[in-house]
Amino acid sequence: MIITTGGGTRSRHVYAIAIELGMPTGIISKLGQSTSEQNALMISMLLMPCGGVKISHDDIPKLGHYLSSGCIPVMHGMPPYGYWEHPPEDGRIPSNRTDVGTFMLAEVIGAKQCIMIKDVDGLYTDNPKSNPDVKFIPKIGAKELLELDQDDLVVERILLELLCRTQSLKQVQIINGLTEGNITKALNGEHVGTIIYQDV
């Protein structure tokens, strides 16, 4: 098991301040990476008694050694675009954030599963935090989901585009990490939350 961290609410605050200050997308990407990296440090320290160890992108070739030694590698999920992050179609918030970084790591290493732990039960027809009249979506294809063109998604839109083209990873599972037992169920292959699969 490899754990990657996002930035959460703190990175959204950082993005808002950086946009107000007029910073370009590449700088905003580096700021998002810093927040995600702080979370990786905290998680690795909490997991230290169980073998948690913080790693960087350059440590990926060492994953086999870490895993065979019983370690739990923890890495920040921001992909290594940094200053070279592509400007998005709208606004300045990086399109490639920690969901994409986590997904691409799983693809590169040929992971059996890619589980995205969020604070919602999965994917809905709209944002359940702002719209109570939504329907839960337990399973959907990436292409089908892109065609729905929802304004608010639980994962980054580019992840769906990449899922249509991946070679080894054929689905992602989105679960609510605040619900006790969900992580264990997902690791055991149970269908909790939403599964988004390659449908091309």
N, C-alpha and C. Protein backbone atom coordinates (compact mmCIF):
# COMPACT_ATOMS: atom_id res chain seq x y z
N MET A 1 0.84 -1.19 0.00
CA MET A 1 0.00 0.00 0.00
C MET A 1 0.88 1.24 0.00
N ILE A 2 0.53 2.18 -0.83
CA ILE A 2 1.19 3.49 -0.88
C ILE A 2 0.12 4.53 -0.60
N ILE A 3 0.45 5.49 0.24
CA ILE A 3 -0.49 6.56 0.58
C ILE A 3 0.01 7.85 -0.04
N THR A 4 -0.89 8.55 -0.74
CA THR A 4 -0.55 9.89 -1.22
C THR A 4 -1.51 10.88 -0.59
N THR A 5 -1.04 12.09 -0.40
CA THR A 5 -1.84 13.10 0.30
C THR A 5 -2.20 14.27 -0.61
N GLY A 6 -3.38 14.80 -0.36
CA GLY A 6 -3.81 16.02 -1.02
C GLY A 6 -3.60 17.20 -0.09
N GLY A 7 -4.08 18.34 -0.52
CA GLY A 7 -3.92 19.55 0.29
C GLY A 7 -5.15 19.91 1.09
N GLY A 8 -6.31 19.40 0.65
CA GLY A 8 -7.56 19.66 1.36
C GLY A 8 -7.94 21.14 1.39
N THR A 9 -8.64 21.51 2.43
CA THR A 9 -9.14 22.87 2.57
C THR A 9 -8.01 23.88 2.62
N ARG A 10 -6.88 23.50 3.22
CA ARG A 10 -5.76 24.45 3.32
C ARG A 10 -5.26 24.86 1.94
N SER A 11 -5.20 23.93 1.00
CA SER A 11 -4.72 24.32 -0.33
C SER A 11 -5.74 25.21 -1.04
N ARG A 12 -7.03 24.98 -0.78
CA ARG A 12 -8.03 25.88 -1.38
C ARG A 12 -7.87 27.30 -0.86
N HIS A 13 -7.53 27.44 0.42
CA HIS A 13 -7.26 28.77 0.97
C HIS A 13 -6.03 29.39 0.31
N VAL A 14 -4.98 28.58 0.14
CA VAL A 14 -3.76 29.06 -0.50
C VAL A 14 -4.05 29.49 -1.93
N TYR A 15 -4.83 28.67 -2.67
CA TYR A 15 -5.16 29.03 -4.05
C TYR A 15 -5.91 30.36 -4.10
N ALA A 16 -6.86 30.55 -3.19
CA ALA A 16 -7.66 31.78 -3.18
C ALA A 16 -6.77 33.00 -2.95
N ILE A 17 -5.84 32.90 -2.00
CA ILE A 17 -4.93 34.02 -1.71
C ILE A 17 -4.02 34.28 -2.90
N ALA A 18 -3.46 33.20 -3.49
CA ALA A 18 -2.55 33.36 -4.62
C ALA A 18 -3.25 33.98 -5.82
N ILE A 19 -4.49 33.61 -6.08
CA ILE A 19 -5.24 34.19 -7.20
C ILE A 19 -5.49 35.67 -6.93
N GLU A 20 -5.83 35.99 -5.69
CA GLU A 20 -6.07 37.40 -5.34
C GLU A 20 -4.80 38.23 -5.53
N LEU A 21 -3.64 37.62 -5.30
CA LEU A 21 -2.37 38.32 -5.48
C LEU A 21 -1.90 38.33 -6.93
N GLY A 22 -2.65 37.67 -7.81
CA GLY A 22 -2.33 37.69 -9.24
C GLY A 22 -1.24 36.73 -9.65
N MET A 23 -0.99 35.68 -8.87
CA MET A 23 0.09 34.75 -9.19
C MET A 23 -0.30 33.82 -10.33
N PRO A 24 0.67 33.45 -11.19
CA PRO A 24 0.36 32.55 -12.32
C PRO A 24 0.18 31.11 -11.87
N THR A 25 -0.35 30.31 -12.77
CA THR A 25 -0.69 28.92 -12.46
C THR A 25 0.50 28.11 -11.95
N GLY A 26 1.69 28.31 -12.54
CA GLY A 26 2.87 27.55 -12.11
C GLY A 26 3.24 27.80 -10.66
N ILE A 27 3.12 29.04 -10.21
CA ILE A 27 3.40 29.37 -8.81
C ILE A 27 2.32 28.76 -7.92
N ILE A 28 1.07 28.85 -8.35
CA ILE A 28 -0.03 28.28 -7.57
C ILE A 28 0.16 26.77 -7.42
N SER A 29 0.65 26.12 -8.48
CA SER A 29 0.93 24.69 -8.42
C SER A 29 1.98 24.37 -7.36
N LYS A 30 3.04 25.17 -7.30
CA LYS A 30 4.10 24.95 -6.30
C LYS A 30 3.56 25.16 -4.88
N LEU A 31 2.67 26.12 -4.72
CA LEU A 31 2.07 26.36 -3.40
C LEU A 31 1.19 25.18 -2.99
N GLY A 32 0.44 24.65 -3.95
CA GLY A 32 -0.39 23.47 -3.67
C GLY A 32 0.45 22.27 -3.29
N GLN A 33 1.61 22.14 -3.94
CA GLN A 33 2.53 21.05 -3.62
C GLN A 33 3.03 21.16 -2.19
N SER A 34 3.35 22.37 -1.77
CA SER A 34 3.86 22.58 -0.40
C SER A 34 2.84 22.14 0.64
N THR A 35 1.57 22.46 0.41
CA THR A 35 0.52 22.09 1.36
C THR A 35 0.35 20.58 1.40
N SER A 36 0.33 19.96 0.23
CA SER A 36 0.20 18.51 0.14
C SER A 36 1.40 17.81 0.79
N GLU A 37 2.58 18.39 0.62
CA GLU A 37 3.79 17.80 1.21
C GLU A 37 3.77 17.88 2.74
N GLN A 38 3.25 18.98 3.27
CA GLN A 38 3.11 19.08 4.73
C GLN A 38 2.19 17.98 5.26
N ASN A 39 1.11 17.71 4.53
CA ASN A 39 0.20 16.64 4.94
C ASN A 39 0.87 15.27 4.88
N ALA A 40 1.72 15.06 3.87
CA ALA A 40 2.46 13.79 3.77
C ALA A 40 3.39 13.62 4.97
N LEU A 41 4.02 14.70 5.39
CA LEU A 41 4.91 14.64 6.54
C LEU A 41 4.13 14.28 7.81
N MET A 42 2.96 14.92 7.99
CA MET A 42 2.14 14.62 9.17
C MET A 42 1.67 13.16 9.18
N ILE A 43 1.18 12.69 8.02
CA ILE A 43 0.68 11.30 7.95
C ILE A 43 1.82 10.31 8.18
N SER A 44 2.98 10.57 7.61
CA SER A 44 4.11 9.64 7.79
C SER A 44 4.56 9.60 9.25
N MET A 45 4.49 10.74 9.93
CA MET A 45 4.86 10.77 11.35
C MET A 45 3.84 9.98 12.19
N LEU A 46 2.56 10.14 11.86
CA LEU A 46 1.52 9.40 12.59
C LEU A 46 1.65 7.90 12.35
N LEU A 47 2.07 7.53 11.15
CA LEU A 47 2.20 6.10 10.80
C LEU A 47 3.57 5.52 11.13
N MET A 48 4.47 6.33 11.66
CA MET A 48 5.82 5.85 11.92
C MET A 48 5.86 4.56 12.76
N PRO A 49 5.02 4.41 13.80
CA PRO A 49 5.06 3.16 14.57
C PRO A 49 4.66 1.93 13.74
N CYS A 50 3.97 2.16 12.62
CA CYS A 50 3.54 1.05 11.76
C CYS A 50 4.41 0.93 10.50
N GLY A 51 5.49 1.70 10.43
CA GLY A 51 6.38 1.64 9.27
C GLY A 51 6.20 2.76 8.29
N GLY A 52 5.46 3.81 8.67
CA GLY A 52 5.28 4.94 7.77
C GLY A 52 6.59 5.64 7.47
N VAL A 53 6.82 5.95 6.20
CA VAL A 53 8.04 6.66 5.80
C VAL A 53 7.68 7.62 4.67
N LYS A 54 8.07 8.88 4.83
CA LYS A 54 7.78 9.88 3.80
C LYS A 54 8.78 9.71 2.67
N ILE A 55 8.26 9.66 1.44
CA ILE A 55 9.13 9.55 0.27
C ILE A 55 8.83 10.69 -0.69
N SER A 56 9.73 10.90 -1.63
CA SER A 56 9.54 11.93 -2.66
C SER A 56 9.33 11.25 -4.00
N HIS A 57 9.06 12.03 -5.03
CA HIS A 57 8.89 11.47 -6.37
C HIS A 57 10.14 10.75 -6.82
N ASP A 58 11.31 11.23 -6.43
CA ASP A 58 12.57 10.59 -6.84
C ASP A 58 12.77 9.23 -6.18
N ASP A 59 11.97 8.93 -5.15
CA ASP A 59 12.11 7.65 -4.45
C ASP A 59 11.27 6.54 -5.06
N ILE A 60 10.54 6.81 -6.12
CA ILE A 60 9.67 5.79 -6.72
C ILE A 60 10.46 4.53 -7.11
N PRO A 61 11.69 4.65 -7.66
CA PRO A 61 12.44 3.42 -7.95
C PRO A 61 12.76 2.58 -6.71
N LYS A 62 12.66 3.17 -5.53
CA LYS A 62 12.96 2.44 -4.30
C LYS A 62 11.72 1.80 -3.67
N LEU A 63 10.57 1.94 -4.31
CA LEU A 63 9.32 1.45 -3.72
C LEU A 63 9.38 -0.03 -3.40
N GLY A 64 9.97 -0.82 -4.28
CA GLY A 64 10.07 -2.26 -4.03
C GLY A 64 10.78 -2.55 -2.73
N HIS A 65 11.86 -1.82 -2.47
CA HIS A 65 12.62 -2.02 -1.22
C HIS A 65 11.79 -1.61 -0.02
N TYR A 66 11.13 -0.46 -0.09
CA TYR A 66 10.30 0.01 1.02
C TYR A 66 9.19 -1.00 1.34
N LEU A 67 8.51 -1.47 0.30
CA LEU A 67 7.38 -2.37 0.50
C LEU A 67 7.84 -3.74 1.02
N SER A 68 8.95 -4.26 0.49
CA SER A 68 9.44 -5.56 0.96
C SER A 68 9.97 -5.48 2.38
N SER A 69 10.32 -4.27 2.82
CA SER A 69 10.80 -4.07 4.19
C SER A 69 9.65 -3.84 5.18
N GLY A 70 8.42 -3.84 4.68
CA GLY A 70 7.26 -3.66 5.55
C GLY A 70 6.92 -2.21 5.82
N CYS A 71 7.49 -1.30 5.04
CA CYS A 71 7.21 0.13 5.21
C CYS A 71 5.88 0.50 4.55
N ILE A 72 5.33 1.62 4.98
CA ILE A 72 4.16 2.21 4.33
C ILE A 72 4.63 3.55 3.73
N PRO A 73 4.96 3.58 2.45
CA PRO A 73 5.41 4.83 1.84
C PRO A 73 4.29 5.86 1.79
N VAL A 74 4.63 7.09 2.14
CA VAL A 74 3.68 8.21 2.10
C VAL A 74 4.30 9.31 1.25
N MET A 75 3.56 9.76 0.23
CA MET A 75 4.10 10.75 -0.71
C MET A 75 3.02 11.79 -0.99
N HIS A 76 3.43 13.02 -1.22
CA HIS A 76 2.44 14.02 -1.60
C HIS A 76 1.95 13.71 -3.01
N GLY A 77 0.67 14.00 -3.23
CA GLY A 77 0.04 13.60 -4.48
C GLY A 77 0.18 14.57 -5.63
N MET A 78 0.74 15.74 -5.42
CA MET A 78 0.82 16.73 -6.50
C MET A 78 1.77 16.23 -7.59
N PRO A 79 1.33 16.20 -8.83
CA PRO A 79 2.23 15.74 -9.89
C PRO A 79 3.36 16.73 -10.10
N PRO A 80 4.50 16.27 -10.59
CA PRO A 80 5.71 17.11 -10.63
C PRO A 80 5.77 18.09 -11.80
N TYR A 81 4.68 18.79 -12.08
CA TYR A 81 4.72 19.83 -13.11
C TYR A 81 5.31 21.12 -12.53
N GLY A 82 4.91 21.46 -11.30
CA GLY A 82 5.46 22.64 -10.65
C GLY A 82 5.28 23.90 -11.47
N TYR A 83 6.39 24.60 -11.68
CA TYR A 83 6.35 25.85 -12.45
C TYR A 83 5.86 25.64 -13.87
N TRP A 84 5.98 24.40 -14.38
CA TRP A 84 5.61 24.09 -15.75
C TRP A 84 4.17 23.59 -15.87
N GLU A 85 3.38 23.76 -14.83
CA GLU A 85 1.97 23.38 -14.90
C GLU A 85 1.29 24.12 -16.04
N HIS A 86 0.54 23.38 -16.85
CA HIS A 86 -0.14 23.98 -18.00
C HIS A 86 -1.23 24.95 -17.53
N PRO A 87 -1.32 26.12 -18.13
CA PRO A 87 -2.43 27.01 -17.78
C PRO A 87 -3.76 26.34 -18.12
N PRO A 88 -4.73 26.38 -17.21
CA PRO A 88 -6.03 25.74 -17.48
C PRO A 88 -6.84 26.54 -18.48
N GLU A 89 -7.91 25.92 -18.99
CA GLU A 89 -8.77 26.60 -19.95
C GLU A 89 -9.45 27.81 -19.32
N ASP A 90 -9.84 27.66 -18.04
CA ASP A 90 -10.50 28.77 -17.33
C ASP A 90 -9.76 29.03 -16.03
N GLY A 91 -9.58 30.28 -15.69
CA GLY A 91 -8.97 30.64 -14.41
C GLY A 91 -7.49 30.31 -14.34
N ARG A 92 -6.98 30.17 -13.10
CA ARG A 92 -5.56 29.91 -12.90
C ARG A 92 -5.27 28.73 -11.98
N ILE A 93 -6.31 28.09 -11.40
CA ILE A 93 -6.07 26.95 -10.52
C ILE A 93 -5.56 25.79 -11.35
N PRO A 94 -4.47 25.14 -10.93
CA PRO A 94 -3.89 24.05 -11.72
C PRO A 94 -4.90 22.94 -12.02
N SER A 95 -4.93 22.49 -13.25
CA SER A 95 -5.82 21.39 -13.62
C SER A 95 -5.30 20.07 -13.08
N ASN A 96 -3.97 19.93 -13.06
CA ASN A 96 -3.33 18.71 -12.58
C ASN A 96 -2.97 18.88 -11.11
N ARG A 97 -3.85 18.35 -10.24
CA ARG A 97 -3.60 18.48 -8.81
C ARG A 97 -3.42 17.08 -8.20
N THR A 98 -3.70 16.94 -6.93
CA THR A 98 -3.32 15.71 -6.23
C THR A 98 -4.11 14.47 -6.65
N ASP A 99 -5.35 14.63 -7.12
CA ASP A 99 -6.08 13.47 -7.64
C ASP A 99 -5.36 12.90 -8.86
N VAL A 100 -4.95 13.79 -9.76
CA VAL A 100 -4.25 13.36 -10.97
C VAL A 100 -2.90 12.73 -10.62
N GLY A 101 -2.17 13.35 -9.69
CA GLY A 101 -0.87 12.80 -9.29
C GLY A 101 -1.00 11.41 -8.70
N THR A 102 -2.00 11.21 -7.84
CA THR A 102 -2.24 9.90 -7.23
C THR A 102 -2.61 8.88 -8.30
N PHE A 103 -3.49 9.27 -9.18
CA PHE A 103 -3.95 8.38 -10.24
C PHE A 103 -2.78 7.96 -11.15
N MET A 104 -1.95 8.93 -11.54
CA MET A 104 -0.83 8.62 -12.44
C MET A 104 0.23 7.76 -11.76
N LEU A 105 0.44 7.96 -10.46
CA LEU A 105 1.36 7.08 -9.73
C LEU A 105 0.84 5.65 -9.77
N ALA A 106 -0.46 5.46 -9.53
CA ALA A 106 -1.05 4.12 -9.57
C ALA A 106 -0.89 3.50 -10.96
N GLU A 107 -1.06 4.30 -12.00
CA GLU A 107 -0.89 3.80 -13.37
C GLU A 107 0.56 3.40 -13.64
N VAL A 108 1.49 4.24 -13.23
CA VAL A 108 2.91 3.99 -13.50
C VAL A 108 3.42 2.72 -12.82
N ILE A 109 2.99 2.49 -11.58
CA ILE A 109 3.50 1.33 -10.85
C ILE A 109 2.62 0.09 -11.05
N GLY A 110 1.55 0.22 -11.83
CA GLY A 110 0.68 -0.93 -12.08
C GLY A 110 -0.10 -1.37 -10.86
N ALA A 111 -0.59 -0.41 -10.08
CA ALA A 111 -1.33 -0.73 -8.85
C ALA A 111 -2.60 -1.51 -9.16
N LYS A 112 -2.99 -2.39 -8.23
CA LYS A 112 -4.23 -3.16 -8.38
C LYS A 112 -5.45 -2.27 -8.16
N GLN A 113 -5.33 -1.29 -7.27
CA GLN A 113 -6.45 -0.42 -6.94
C GLN A 113 -5.96 1.01 -6.79
N CYS A 114 -6.86 1.94 -7.07
CA CYS A 114 -6.62 3.35 -6.78
C CYS A 114 -7.86 3.84 -6.05
N ILE A 115 -7.71 4.05 -4.75
CA ILE A 115 -8.84 4.45 -3.91
C ILE A 115 -8.64 5.91 -3.52
N MET A 116 -9.60 6.74 -3.87
CA MET A 116 -9.59 8.15 -3.51
C MET A 116 -10.44 8.35 -2.26
N ILE A 117 -9.82 8.80 -1.18
CA ILE A 117 -10.54 8.99 0.07
C ILE A 117 -10.95 10.46 0.18
N LYS A 118 -12.25 10.68 0.24
CA LYS A 118 -12.82 12.02 0.29
C LYS A 118 -13.68 12.18 1.54
N ASP A 119 -14.36 13.33 1.64
CA ASP A 119 -15.27 13.55 2.77
C ASP A 119 -16.73 13.50 2.33
N VAL A 120 -16.98 12.87 1.18
CA VAL A 120 -18.33 12.60 0.69
C VAL A 120 -18.40 11.12 0.32
N ASP A 121 -19.62 10.59 0.20
CA ASP A 121 -19.80 9.17 -0.03
C ASP A 121 -19.39 8.71 -1.42
N GLY A 122 -19.20 9.64 -2.32
CA GLY A 122 -18.83 9.29 -3.69
C GLY A 122 -19.32 10.37 -4.63
N LEU A 123 -19.73 9.93 -5.81
CA LEU A 123 -20.16 10.86 -6.86
C LEU A 123 -21.67 11.03 -6.83
N TYR A 124 -22.09 12.28 -7.01
CA TYR A 124 -23.52 12.61 -7.07
C TYR A 124 -23.81 13.36 -8.36
N THR A 125 -25.08 13.53 -8.64
CA THR A 125 -25.48 14.29 -9.83
C THR A 125 -25.18 15.78 -9.67
N ASP A 126 -24.93 16.23 -8.44
CA ASP A 126 -24.56 17.61 -8.15
C ASP A 126 -23.85 17.61 -6.80
N ASN A 127 -23.38 18.74 -6.35
CA ASN A 127 -22.68 18.84 -5.07
C ASN A 127 -23.66 18.64 -3.91
N PRO A 128 -23.52 17.55 -3.15
CA PRO A 128 -24.47 17.29 -2.04
C PRO A 128 -24.35 18.29 -0.90
N LYS A 129 -23.22 19.02 -0.85
CA LYS A 129 -23.05 20.01 0.22
C LYS A 129 -23.87 21.27 -0.03
N SER A 130 -24.18 21.52 -1.30
CA SER A 130 -24.94 22.73 -1.62
C SER A 130 -26.32 22.44 -2.20
N ASN A 131 -26.55 21.21 -2.63
CA ASN A 131 -27.84 20.85 -3.23
C ASN A 131 -28.34 19.55 -2.59
N PRO A 132 -29.41 19.63 -1.76
CA PRO A 132 -29.90 18.41 -1.10
C PRO A 132 -30.66 17.47 -2.04
N ASP A 133 -31.09 17.96 -3.20
CA ASP A 133 -31.88 17.15 -4.14
C ASP A 133 -30.97 16.52 -5.20
N VAL A 134 -30.06 15.67 -4.74
CA VAL A 134 -29.12 15.03 -5.65
C VAL A 134 -29.31 13.52 -5.59
N LYS A 135 -28.83 12.85 -6.63
CA LYS A 135 -28.87 11.39 -6.67
C LYS A 135 -27.44 10.85 -6.62
N PHE A 136 -27.27 9.76 -5.87
CA PHE A 136 -25.97 9.11 -5.75
C PHE A 136 -25.71 8.27 -7.00
N ILE A 137 -24.45 8.27 -7.45
CA ILE A 137 -24.05 7.47 -8.62
C ILE A 137 -23.07 6.40 -8.14
N PRO A 138 -23.50 5.14 -8.01
CA PRO A 138 -22.61 4.10 -7.50
C PRO A 138 -21.53 3.64 -8.49
N LYS A 139 -21.84 3.69 -9.80
CA LYS A 139 -20.88 3.23 -10.80
C LYS A 139 -21.16 3.94 -12.12
N ILE A 140 -20.09 4.38 -12.79
CA ILE A 140 -20.26 5.10 -14.06
C ILE A 140 -18.95 5.04 -14.84
N GLY A 141 -19.06 5.05 -16.15
CA GLY A 141 -17.89 5.09 -17.02
C GLY A 141 -17.31 6.49 -17.09
N ALA A 142 -15.98 6.58 -17.27
CA ALA A 142 -15.31 7.88 -17.32
C ALA A 142 -15.80 8.70 -18.51
N LYS A 143 -15.93 8.06 -19.67
CA LYS A 143 -16.39 8.77 -20.86
C LYS A 143 -17.82 9.28 -20.67
N GLU A 144 -18.66 8.40 -20.11
CA GLU A 144 -20.05 8.79 -19.85
C GLU A 144 -20.12 9.97 -18.89
N LEU A 145 -19.28 9.95 -17.86
CA LEU A 145 -19.26 11.03 -16.88
C LEU A 145 -18.79 12.33 -17.51
N LEU A 146 -17.79 12.26 -18.38
CA LEU A 146 -17.33 13.46 -19.08
C LEU A 146 -18.43 14.04 -19.95
N GLU A 147 -19.20 13.16 -20.59
CA GLU A 147 -20.28 13.63 -21.47
C GLU A 147 -21.40 14.32 -20.69
N LEU A 148 -21.56 13.96 -19.39
CA LEU A 148 -22.56 14.64 -18.56
C LEU A 148 -22.18 16.09 -18.31
N ASP A 149 -20.87 16.40 -18.41
CA ASP A 149 -20.36 17.77 -18.28
C ASP A 149 -20.85 18.45 -17.00
N GLN A 150 -20.69 17.76 -15.88
CA GLN A 150 -21.10 18.33 -14.59
C GLN A 150 -20.19 19.50 -14.21
N ASP A 151 -20.79 20.49 -13.58
CA ASP A 151 -20.02 21.64 -13.11
C ASP A 151 -19.12 21.28 -11.93
N ASP A 152 -19.61 20.38 -11.08
CA ASP A 152 -18.90 20.07 -9.84
C ASP A 152 -18.67 18.57 -9.77
N LEU A 153 -17.40 18.17 -9.81
CA LEU A 153 -17.04 16.76 -9.75
C LEU A 153 -16.27 16.48 -8.46
N VAL A 154 -16.31 15.23 -8.01
CA VAL A 154 -15.60 14.85 -6.78
C VAL A 154 -14.12 14.59 -7.06
N VAL A 155 -13.76 14.43 -8.33
CA VAL A 155 -12.36 14.28 -8.74
C VAL A 155 -12.05 15.28 -9.84
N GLU A 156 -10.77 15.49 -10.10
CA GLU A 156 -10.37 16.43 -11.14
C GLU A 156 -10.76 15.89 -12.52
N ARG A 157 -11.30 16.77 -13.34
CA ARG A 157 -11.80 16.38 -14.66
C ARG A 157 -10.73 15.69 -15.51
N ILE A 158 -9.50 16.16 -15.42
CA ILE A 158 -8.43 15.57 -16.25
C ILE A 158 -8.21 14.11 -15.90
N LEU A 159 -8.45 13.72 -14.64
CA LEU A 159 -8.33 12.32 -14.25
C LEU A 159 -9.25 11.45 -15.11
N LEU A 160 -10.46 11.93 -15.38
CA LEU A 160 -11.40 11.18 -16.20
C LEU A 160 -10.89 11.03 -17.62
N GLU A 161 -10.29 12.08 -18.16
CA GLU A 161 -9.72 12.02 -19.50
C GLU A 161 -8.58 11.01 -19.55
N LEU A 162 -7.75 11.00 -18.52
CA LEU A 162 -6.63 10.06 -18.47
C LEU A 162 -7.12 8.62 -18.33
N LEU A 163 -8.18 8.41 -17.54
CA LEU A 163 -8.71 7.07 -17.33
C LEU A 163 -9.20 6.45 -18.65
N CYS A 164 -9.58 7.29 -19.59
CA CYS A 164 -10.00 6.78 -20.91
C CYS A 164 -8.82 6.23 -21.70
N ARG A 165 -7.57 6.55 -21.29
CA ARG A 165 -6.39 6.18 -22.07
C ARG A 165 -5.39 5.30 -21.32
N THR A 166 -5.63 4.98 -20.07
CA THR A 166 -4.64 4.23 -19.29
C THR A 166 -4.49 2.80 -19.78
N GLN A 167 -3.31 2.23 -19.49
CA GLN A 167 -3.01 0.86 -19.92
C GLN A 167 -3.23 -0.14 -18.80
N SER A 168 -2.84 0.20 -17.57
CA SER A 168 -2.93 -0.79 -16.48
C SER A 168 -4.09 -0.52 -15.53
N LEU A 169 -4.34 0.72 -15.21
CA LEU A 169 -5.40 1.06 -14.26
C LEU A 169 -6.72 1.27 -15.00
N LYS A 170 -7.72 0.47 -14.66
CA LYS A 170 -8.98 0.51 -15.39
C LYS A 170 -10.13 1.14 -14.61
N GLN A 171 -9.90 1.49 -13.33
CA GLN A 171 -10.96 2.13 -12.57
C GLN A 171 -10.38 2.82 -11.34
N VAL A 172 -11.16 3.75 -10.79
CA VAL A 172 -10.84 4.37 -9.51
C VAL A 172 -12.08 4.24 -8.63
N GLN A 173 -11.85 4.19 -7.33
CA GLN A 173 -12.96 4.07 -6.38
C GLN A 173 -12.91 5.26 -5.44
N ILE A 174 -14.04 5.92 -5.28
CA ILE A 174 -14.13 7.09 -4.41
C ILE A 174 -14.96 6.71 -3.19
N ILE A 175 -14.36 6.88 -2.01
CA ILE A 175 -15.07 6.50 -0.79
C ILE A 175 -15.01 7.63 0.23
N ASN A 176 -15.90 7.54 1.20
CA ASN A 176 -15.93 8.50 2.30
C ASN A 176 -15.03 7.97 3.42
N GLY A 177 -13.91 8.66 3.65
CA GLY A 177 -12.97 8.24 4.68
C GLY A 177 -13.46 8.54 6.09
N LEU A 178 -14.52 9.31 6.21
CA LEU A 178 -15.07 9.63 7.53
C LEU A 178 -16.03 8.56 8.03
N THR A 179 -16.41 7.63 7.14
CA THR A 179 -17.30 6.53 7.53
C THR A 179 -16.45 5.34 7.95
N GLU A 180 -16.58 4.94 9.21
CA GLU A 180 -15.76 3.86 9.74
C GLU A 180 -15.96 2.57 8.95
N GLY A 181 -14.86 1.93 8.61
CA GLY A 181 -14.90 0.66 7.90
C GLY A 181 -14.81 0.77 6.39
N ASN A 182 -15.03 1.96 5.83
CA ASN A 182 -15.03 2.10 4.38
C ASN A 182 -13.68 1.78 3.75
N ILE A 183 -12.60 2.23 4.37
CA ILE A 183 -11.27 1.99 3.80
C ILE A 183 -10.98 0.49 3.77
N THR A 184 -11.26 -0.20 4.87
CA THR A 184 -11.04 -1.65 4.92
C THR A 184 -11.88 -2.37 3.87
N LYS A 185 -13.13 -1.97 3.73
CA LYS A 185 -14.01 -2.60 2.74
C LYS A 185 -13.46 -2.40 1.33
N ALA A 186 -13.03 -1.17 1.03
CA ALA A 186 -12.50 -0.89 -0.31
C ALA A 186 -11.22 -1.68 -0.56
N LEU A 187 -10.34 -1.76 0.43
CA LEU A 187 -9.10 -2.52 0.28
C LEU A 187 -9.38 -4.00 0.05
N ASN A 188 -10.49 -4.48 0.59
CA ASN A 188 -10.89 -5.88 0.41
C ASN A 188 -11.66 -6.11 -0.89
N GLY A 189 -11.79 -5.05 -1.69
CA GLY A 189 -12.45 -5.20 -2.99
C GLY A 189 -13.94 -5.02 -2.98
N GLU A 190 -14.51 -4.57 -1.86
CA GLU A 190 -15.95 -4.38 -1.79
C GLU A 190 -16.36 -3.08 -2.50
N HIS A 191 -17.56 -3.09 -3.03
CA HIS A 191 -18.06 -1.90 -3.73
C HIS A 191 -18.72 -0.96 -2.72
N VAL A 192 -17.92 -0.05 -2.19
CA VAL A 192 -18.45 1.05 -1.39
C VAL A 192 -18.13 2.33 -2.15
N GLY A 193 -18.94 3.34 -1.97
CA GLY A 193 -18.71 4.59 -2.67
C GLY A 193 -19.04 4.48 -4.14
N THR A 194 -18.27 5.21 -4.96
CA THR A 194 -18.48 5.24 -6.40
C THR A 194 -17.28 4.65 -7.13
N ILE A 195 -17.55 3.82 -8.12
CA ILE A 195 -16.50 3.31 -8.99
C ILE A 195 -16.64 3.99 -10.35
N ILE A 196 -15.54 4.59 -10.81
CA ILE A 196 -15.49 5.18 -12.15
C ILE A 196 -14.56 4.30 -12.96
N TYR A 197 -15.05 3.77 -14.08
CA TYR A 197 -14.29 2.78 -14.84
C TYR A 197 -14.03 3.24 -16.27
N GLN A 198 -13.07 2.60 -16.89
CA GLN A 198 -12.72 2.89 -18.28
C GLN A 198 -13.79 2.28 -19.16
N ASP A 199 -14.46 3.11 -19.97
CA ASP A 199 -15.58 2.64 -20.78
C ASP A 199 -15.38 2.92 -22.27
N VAL A 200 -14.14 2.87 -22.71
CA VAL A 200 -13.87 3.07 -24.15
C VAL A 200 -13.20 1.84 -24.73
